[in-house]
Amino acid sequence: MVAIKLENVSKIFARRPLKRKYTTLRETLLHYFDWLKNRERVRYVNALKDINLTIERGESVGIIGMNGSGKSTLLKLLAGIYKPDSGKVYVKGRVASLIGLGIGFHPGFTGRENIFINGIILGLSKREIKRKFDDIVKFAELEDYIDEPVRIYSDGMFMRLGFSIATNVDPDILLTDDILAVGDEYFQHRCAEKIADFRKLA
């Protein structure tokens, strides 16, 4: 059974000059007239071009490439964060993603509140989230911080909570980038074991 299928998928980004702060009226006016002259000269970058990919249920796939080669863009398309500019993306099942630290978390809310928000976004009922809540907190080892706002969390704490949510909501598809490199060696080992268990159930 096909879990993911991409057909001739492309994603294009506009690359505009970086904005600068100008301290004098002369600099501001020069910049304005330069902008009027060159405003149509926006460069476009093909982050992904005519990608075709089929992944069957139960398969584990790694995407390898240099920085800027489109790996994260592809994952964000599969997660529904981006939409393709052309082509079609088919994803069958519940998708849990770990793409970038803090994505999907509200910094002003507590860890507890963010668990419920993420669970609801992933399609779980409040009852289901309550049933899984203790397992999520225990795996993340955040018992002492779960009622603190996540803005005080370290990168490692963010990663632990995000990974624990993603793997405890019974996803059909799990997407991760190099976020796991943030954790310590002990937690990375636990993550590897969890992913191995996840694969056995596929």
C-alpha atoms as a PDB file:
ATOM      1  CA  MET A   1       0.000   0.000   0.000  1.00  0.00           C
ATOM      2  CA  VAL A   2       1.328   3.428  -0.970  1.00  0.00           C
ATOM      3  CA  ALA A   3       1.814   5.825   1.967  1.00  0.00           C
ATOM      4  CA  ILE A   4       3.461   8.729   0.111  1.00  0.00           C
ATOM      5  CA  LYS A   5       3.509   9.600  -3.571  1.00  0.00           C
ATOM      6  CA  LEU A   6       4.907  12.670  -5.313  1.00  0.00           C
ATOM      7  CA  GLU A   7       4.256  13.292  -9.001  1.00  0.00           C
ATOM      8  CA  ASN A   8       6.357  15.927 -10.807  1.00  0.00           C
ATOM      9  CA  VAL A   9       6.475  18.104  -7.705  1.00  0.00           C
ATOM     10  CA  SER A  10       8.215  21.475  -7.829  1.00  0.00           C
ATOM     11  CA  LYS A  11       8.585  24.219  -5.228  1.00  0.00           C
ATOM     12  CA  ILE A  12       9.856  27.691  -6.078  1.00  0.00           C
ATOM     13  CA  PHE A  13      10.909  30.460  -3.707  1.00  0.00           C
ATOM     14  CA  ALA A  14      11.425  34.133  -4.501  1.00  0.00           C
ATOM     15  CA  ARG A  15      14.792  35.462  -3.396  1.00  0.00           C
ATOM     16  CA  ARG A  16      14.715  39.173  -2.666  1.00  0.00           C
ATOM     17  CA  PRO A  17      17.563  41.437  -1.524  1.00  0.00           C
ATOM     18  CA  LEU A  18      18.015  41.643   2.232  1.00  0.00           C
ATOM     19  CA  LYS A  19      16.417  44.674   3.863  1.00  0.00           C
ATOM     20  CA  ARG A  20      18.743  47.213   5.392  1.00  0.00           C
ATOM     21  CA  LYS A  21      18.255  50.019   7.866  1.00  0.00           C
ATOM     22  CA  TYR A  22      19.160  53.453   6.570  1.00  0.00           C
ATOM     23  CA  THR A  23      20.263  56.220   8.902  1.00  0.00           C
ATOM     24  CA  THR A  24      20.077  59.258   6.618  1.00  0.00           C
ATOM     25  CA  LEU A  25      17.458  60.689   4.276  1.00  0.00           C
ATOM     26  CA  ARG A  26      19.949  60.482   1.392  1.00  0.00           C
ATOM     27  CA  GLU A  27      20.498  56.735   1.907  1.00  0.00           C
ATOM     28  CA  THR A  28      16.755  56.162   2.146  1.00  0.00           C
ATOM     29  CA  LEU A  29      16.024  58.053  -1.081  1.00  0.00           C
ATOM     30  CA  LEU A  30      18.855  56.330  -2.968  1.00  0.00           C
ATOM     31  CA  HIS A  31      17.564  52.967  -1.834  1.00  0.00           C
ATOM     32  CA  TYR A  32      14.001  53.885  -2.846  1.00  0.00           C
ATOM     33  CA  PHE A  33      14.978  54.928  -6.367  1.00  0.00           C
ATOM     34  CA  ASP A  34      17.148  51.826  -6.712  1.00  0.00           C
ATOM     35  CA  TRP A  35      14.168  49.720  -5.636  1.00  0.00           C
ATOM     36  CA  LEU A  36      11.929  51.424  -8.233  1.00  0.00           C
ATOM     37  CA  LYS A  37      14.503  50.634 -10.902  1.00  0.00           C
ATOM     38  CA  ASN A  38      15.023  46.989  -9.945  1.00  0.00           C
ATOM     39  CA  ARG A  39      11.737  45.961  -8.337  1.00  0.00           C
ATOM     40  CA  GLU A  40      10.929  43.530 -11.149  1.00  0.00           C
ATOM     41  CA  ARG A  41      14.280  41.784 -10.751  1.00  0.00           C
ATOM     42  CA  VAL A  42      13.229  39.185  -8.232  1.00  0.00           C
ATOM     43  CA  ARG A  43      15.258  35.999  -8.464  1.00  0.00           C
ATOM     44  CA  TYR A  44      13.468  32.685  -8.256  1.00  0.00           C
ATOM     45  CA  VAL A  45      15.051  29.546  -6.864  1.00  0.00           C
ATOM     46  CA  ASN A  46      13.901  26.014  -7.619  1.00  0.00           C
ATOM     47  CA  ALA A  47      14.077  24.347  -4.221  1.00  0.00           C
ATOM     48  CA  LEU A  48      12.538  21.214  -5.761  1.00  0.00           C
ATOM     49  CA  LYS A  49      12.054  20.474  -9.445  1.00  0.00           C
ATOM     50  CA  ASP A  50       9.981  17.669 -10.978  1.00  0.00           C
ATOM     51  CA  ILE A  51      10.346  15.291  -8.019  1.00  0.00           C
ATOM     52  CA  ASN A  52       8.805  11.833  -8.361  1.00  0.00           C
ATOM     53  CA  LEU A  53       8.783   9.580  -5.319  1.00  0.00           C
ATOM     54  CA  THR A  54       6.773   6.618  -4.061  1.00  0.00           C
ATOM     55  CA  ILE A  55       7.078   5.236  -0.525  1.00  0.00           C
ATOM     56  CA  GLU A  56       5.175   2.133   0.517  1.00  0.00           C
ATOM     57  CA  ARG A  57       3.659   1.614   3.946  1.00  0.00           C
ATOM     58  CA  GLY A  58       6.267   0.120   6.300  1.00  0.00           C
ATOM     59  CA  GLU A  59       9.272   1.485   4.410  1.00  0.00           C
ATOM     60  CA  SER A  60      11.938   3.660   6.042  1.00  0.00           C
ATOM     61  CA  VAL A  61      13.519   6.207   3.724  1.00  0.00           C
ATOM     62  CA  GLY A  62      16.476   8.514   4.315  1.00  0.00           C
ATOM     63  CA  ILE A  63      17.055  11.623   2.212  1.00  0.00           C
ATOM     64  CA  ILE A  64      20.697  12.594   1.778  1.00  0.00           C
ATOM     65  CA  GLY A  65      22.018  15.818   0.285  1.00  0.00           C
ATOM     66  CA  MET A  66      24.101  18.920   0.803  1.00  0.00           C
ATOM     67  CA  ASN A  67      22.837  21.972   2.675  1.00  0.00           C
ATOM     68  CA  GLY A  68      20.353  23.834   0.518  1.00  0.00           C
ATOM     69  CA  SER A  69      19.548  20.837  -1.665  1.00  0.00           C
ATOM     70  CA  GLY A  70      15.858  20.833  -0.684  1.00  0.00           C
ATOM     71  CA  LYS A  71      15.661  18.126   1.989  1.00  0.00           C
ATOM     72  CA  SER A  72      13.764  20.220   4.547  1.00  0.00           C
ATOM     73  CA  THR A  73      11.554  21.694   1.819  1.00  0.00           C
ATOM     74  CA  LEU A  74      10.554  18.183   0.770  1.00  0.00           C
ATOM     75  CA  LEU A  75       9.739  17.213   4.360  1.00  0.00           C
ATOM     76  CA  LYS A  76       7.665  20.378   4.828  1.00  0.00           C
ATOM     77  CA  LEU A  77       5.693  19.533   1.686  1.00  0.00           C
ATOM     78  CA  LEU A  78       4.968  16.063   3.065  1.00  0.00           C
ATOM     79  CA  ALA A  79       3.984  17.565   6.431  1.00  0.00           C
ATOM     80  CA  GLY A  80       1.593  20.007   4.758  1.00  0.00           C
ATOM     81  CA  ILE A  81       3.536  23.086   5.878  1.00  0.00           C
ATOM     82  CA  TYR A  82       4.223  24.027   2.238  1.00  0.00           C
ATOM     83  CA  LYS A  83       2.099  23.519  -0.852  1.00  0.00           C
ATOM     84  CA  PRO A  84       3.729  22.540  -4.164  1.00  0.00           C
ATOM     85  CA  ASP A  85       3.826  25.123  -6.955  1.00  0.00           C
ATOM     86  CA  SER A  86       3.248  22.318  -9.441  1.00  0.00           C
ATOM     87  CA  GLY A  87       2.700  18.580  -9.315  1.00  0.00           C
ATOM     88  CA  LYS A  88       0.764  16.473  -6.838  1.00  0.00           C
ATOM     89  CA  VAL A  89       1.502  15.246  -3.313  1.00  0.00           C
ATOM     90  CA  TYR A  90      -0.407  12.265  -1.904  1.00  0.00           C
ATOM     91  CA  VAL A  91      -0.012  11.398   1.774  1.00  0.00           C
ATOM     92  CA  LYS A  92      -2.189   8.673   3.268  1.00  0.00           C
ATOM     93  CA  GLY A  93      -2.597   8.543   7.032  1.00  0.00           C
ATOM     94  CA  ARG A  94      -1.790  10.602  10.112  1.00  0.00           C
ATOM     95  CA  VAL A  95       1.514  12.457   9.773  1.00  0.00           C
ATOM     96  CA  ALA A  96       3.652  13.450  12.766  1.00  0.00           C
ATOM     97  CA  SER A  97       6.658  15.602  11.993  1.00  0.00           C
ATOM     98  CA  LEU A  98       9.814  16.790  13.742  1.00  0.00           C
ATOM     99  CA  ILE A  99      11.066  19.514  11.454  1.00  0.00           C
ATOM    100  CA  GLY A 100      12.914  22.343  13.170  1.00  0.00           C
ATOM    101  CA  LEU A 101      13.030  23.058  16.884  1.00  0.00           C
ATOM    102  CA  GLY A 102       9.933  24.646  18.343  1.00  0.00           C
ATOM    103  CA  ILE A 103       7.773  24.357  15.217  1.00  0.00           C
ATOM    104  CA  GLY A 104       4.209  23.692  16.342  1.00  0.00           C
ATOM    105  CA  PHE A 105       4.796  24.990  19.870  1.00  0.00           C
ATOM    106  CA  HIS A 106       3.400  28.221  21.311  1.00  0.00           C
ATOM    107  CA  PRO A 107       6.169  29.773  23.451  1.00  0.00           C
ATOM    108  CA  GLY A 108       3.758  31.355  25.921  1.00  0.00           C
ATOM    109  CA  PHE A 109       1.942  28.114  26.683  1.00  0.00           C
ATOM    110  CA  THR A 110       3.103  25.402  29.060  1.00  0.00           C
ATOM    111  CA  GLY A 111       4.398  22.025  28.005  1.00  0.00           C
ATOM    112  CA  ARG A 112       1.071  20.540  29.131  1.00  0.00           C
ATOM    113  CA  GLU A 113      -0.934  22.967  26.996  1.00  0.00           C
ATOM    114  CA  ASN A 114       1.305  22.397  23.984  1.00  0.00           C
ATOM    115  CA  ILE A 115       0.821  18.631  24.253  1.00  0.00           C
ATOM    116  CA  PHE A 116      -2.933  19.127  23.993  1.00  0.00           C
ATOM    117  CA  ILE A 117      -2.627  21.640  21.142  1.00  0.00           C
ATOM    118  CA  ASN A 118      -0.355  19.355  19.118  1.00  0.00           C
ATOM    119  CA  GLY A 119      -2.505  16.325  19.844  1.00  0.00           C
ATOM    120  CA  ILE A 120      -5.645  18.083  18.632  1.00  0.00           C
ATOM    121  CA  ILE A 121      -3.840  19.304  15.490  1.00  0.00           C
ATOM    122  CA  LEU A 122      -2.861  15.685  14.813  1.00  0.00           C
ATOM    123  CA  GLY A 123      -6.500  14.633  15.065  1.00  0.00           C
ATOM    124  CA  LEU A 124      -6.675  13.187  18.576  1.00  0.00           C
ATOM    125  CA  SER A 125      -9.581  13.810  20.916  1.00  0.00           C
ATOM    126  CA  LYS A 126      -8.979  15.319  24.367  1.00  0.00           C
ATOM    127  CA  ARG A 127      -9.789  11.923  25.826  1.00  0.00           C
ATOM    128  CA  GLU A 128      -7.092  10.236  23.723  1.00  0.00           C
ATOM    129  CA  ILE A 129      -4.543  12.904  24.649  1.00  0.00           C
ATOM    130  CA  LYS A 130      -5.306  12.489  28.362  1.00  0.00           C
ATOM    131  CA  ARG A 131      -4.777   8.742  28.002  1.00  0.00           C
ATOM    132  CA  LYS A 132      -1.376   9.254  26.358  1.00  0.00           C
ATOM    133  CA  PHE A 133      -0.325  12.287  28.415  1.00  0.00           C
ATOM    134  CA  ASP A 134       1.665  10.511  31.137  1.00  0.00           C
ATOM    135  CA  ASP A 135       3.575   8.409  28.589  1.00  0.00           C
ATOM    136  CA  ILE A 136       4.483  11.541  26.608  1.00  0.00           C
ATOM    137  CA  VAL A 137       5.784  13.374  29.681  1.00  0.00           C
ATOM    138  CA  LYS A 138       7.623  10.332  31.015  1.00  0.00           C
ATOM    139  CA  PHE A 139       9.459   9.613  27.761  1.00  0.00           C
ATOM    140  CA  ALA A 140      10.405  13.301  27.428  1.00  0.00           C
ATOM    141  CA  GLU A 141      11.643  13.315  31.052  1.00  0.00           C
ATOM    142  CA  LEU A 142       9.937  16.659  31.655  1.00  0.00           C
ATOM    143  CA  GLU A 143       7.896  15.892  34.774  1.00  0.00           C
ATOM    144  CA  ASP A 144       9.398  18.875  36.634  1.00  0.00           C
ATOM    145  CA  TYR A 145       8.871  21.323  33.754  1.00  0.00           C
ATOM    146  CA  ILE A 146       5.616  20.264  32.126  1.00  0.00           C
ATOM    147  CA  ASP A 147       3.672  23.166  33.679  1.00  0.00           C
ATOM    148  CA  GLU A 148       6.299  25.770  32.768  1.00  0.00           C
ATOM    149  CA  PRO A 149       6.025  27.888  29.589  1.00  0.00           C
ATOM    150  CA  VAL A 150       8.052  26.262  26.816  1.00  0.00           C
ATOM    151  CA  ARG A 151       9.890  29.528  26.136  1.00  0.00           C
ATOM    152  CA  ILE A 152      12.165  28.590  29.046  1.00  0.00           C
ATOM    153  CA  TYR A 153      12.937  25.167  27.540  1.00  0.00           C
ATOM    154  CA  SER A 154      16.386  24.389  26.210  1.00  0.00           C
ATOM    155  CA  ASP A 155      16.825  23.025  22.674  1.00  0.00           C
ATOM    156  CA  GLY A 156      17.198  19.544  24.132  1.00  0.00           C
ATOM    157  CA  MET A 157      13.947  19.862  26.096  1.00  0.00           C
ATOM    158  CA  PHE A 158      12.117  21.074  22.983  1.00  0.00           C
ATOM    159  CA  MET A 159      13.444  18.107  21.039  1.00  0.00           C
ATOM    160  CA  ARG A 160      12.492  15.601  23.743  1.00  0.00           C
ATOM    161  CA  LEU A 161       8.950  16.918  24.015  1.00  0.00           C
ATOM    162  CA  GLY A 162       8.467  17.155  20.251  1.00  0.00           C
ATOM    163  CA  PHE A 163       9.779  13.636  19.664  1.00  0.00           C
ATOM    164  CA  SER A 164       7.698  12.192  22.486  1.00  0.00           C
ATOM    165  CA  ILE A 165       4.496  13.777  21.168  1.00  0.00           C
ATOM    166  CA  ALA A 166       5.215  12.694  17.589  1.00  0.00           C
ATOM    167  CA  THR A 167       5.864   9.064  18.493  1.00  0.00           C
ATOM    168  CA  ASN A 168       3.092   8.660  21.068  1.00  0.00           C
ATOM    169  CA  VAL A 169       0.161   9.835  18.942  1.00  0.00           C
ATOM    170  CA  ASP A 170       0.218   6.641  16.842  1.00  0.00           C
ATOM    171  CA  PRO A 171       1.209   8.275  13.547  1.00  0.00           C
ATOM    172  CA  ASP A 172       1.059   6.393  10.270  1.00  0.00           C
ATOM    173  CA  ILE A 173       3.981   8.458   8.965  1.00  0.00           C
ATOM    174  CA  LEU A 174       6.836   9.950  11.003  1.00  0.00           C
ATOM    175  CA  LEU A 175       8.937  12.706   9.418  1.00  0.00           C
ATOM    176  CA  THR A 176      12.183  13.880  11.027  1.00  0.00           C
ATOM    177  CA  ASP A 177      15.086  16.031   9.933  1.00  0.00           C
ATOM    178  CA  ASP A 178      18.408  16.396  11.761  1.00  0.00           C
ATOM    179  CA  ILE A 179      16.656  17.707  14.879  1.00  0.00           C
ATOM    180  CA  LEU A 180      17.630  14.544  16.779  1.00  0.00           C
ATOM    181  CA  ALA A 181      21.263  15.687  16.709  1.00  0.00           C
ATOM    182  CA  VAL A 182      20.320  18.273  19.356  1.00  0.00           C
ATOM    183  CA  GLY A 183      19.770  15.665  22.073  1.00  0.00           C
ATOM    184  CA  ASP A 184      22.422  14.022  24.194  1.00  0.00           C
ATOM    185  CA  GLU A 185      23.776  10.585  23.289  1.00  0.00           C
ATOM    186  CA  TYR A 186      21.585   8.816  25.858  1.00  0.00           C
ATOM    187  CA  PHE A 187      18.368  10.323  24.509  1.00  0.00           C
ATOM    188  CA  GLN A 188      19.449   9.761  20.897  1.00  0.00           C
ATOM    189  CA  HIS A 189      19.797   6.068  21.752  1.00  0.00           C
ATOM    190  CA  ARG A 190      16.296   6.033  23.252  1.00  0.00           C
ATOM    191  CA  CYS A 191      14.954   7.746  20.120  1.00  0.00           C
ATOM    192  CA  ALA A 192      16.608   5.130  17.910  1.00  0.00           C
ATOM    193  CA  GLU A 193      14.985   2.355  19.953  1.00  0.00           C
ATOM    194  CA  LYS A 194      11.596   4.074  19.746  1.00  0.00           C
ATOM    195  CA  ILE A 195      11.888   4.432  15.971  1.00  0.00           C
ATOM    196  CA  ALA A 196      12.894   0.753  15.691  1.00  0.00           C
ATOM    197  CA  ASP A 197       9.753  -0.205  17.647  1.00  0.00           C
ATOM    198  CA  PHE A 198       7.709   2.108  15.431  1.00  0.00           C
ATOM    199  CA  ARG A 199       9.059   0.380  12.301  1.00  0.00           C
ATOM    200  CA  LYS A 200       8.147  -3.075  13.643  1.00  0.00           C
ATOM    201  CA  LEU A 201       4.524  -1.995  13.957  1.00  0.00           C
ATOM    202  CA  ALA A 202       4.364  -0.658  10.392  1.00  0.00           C
END
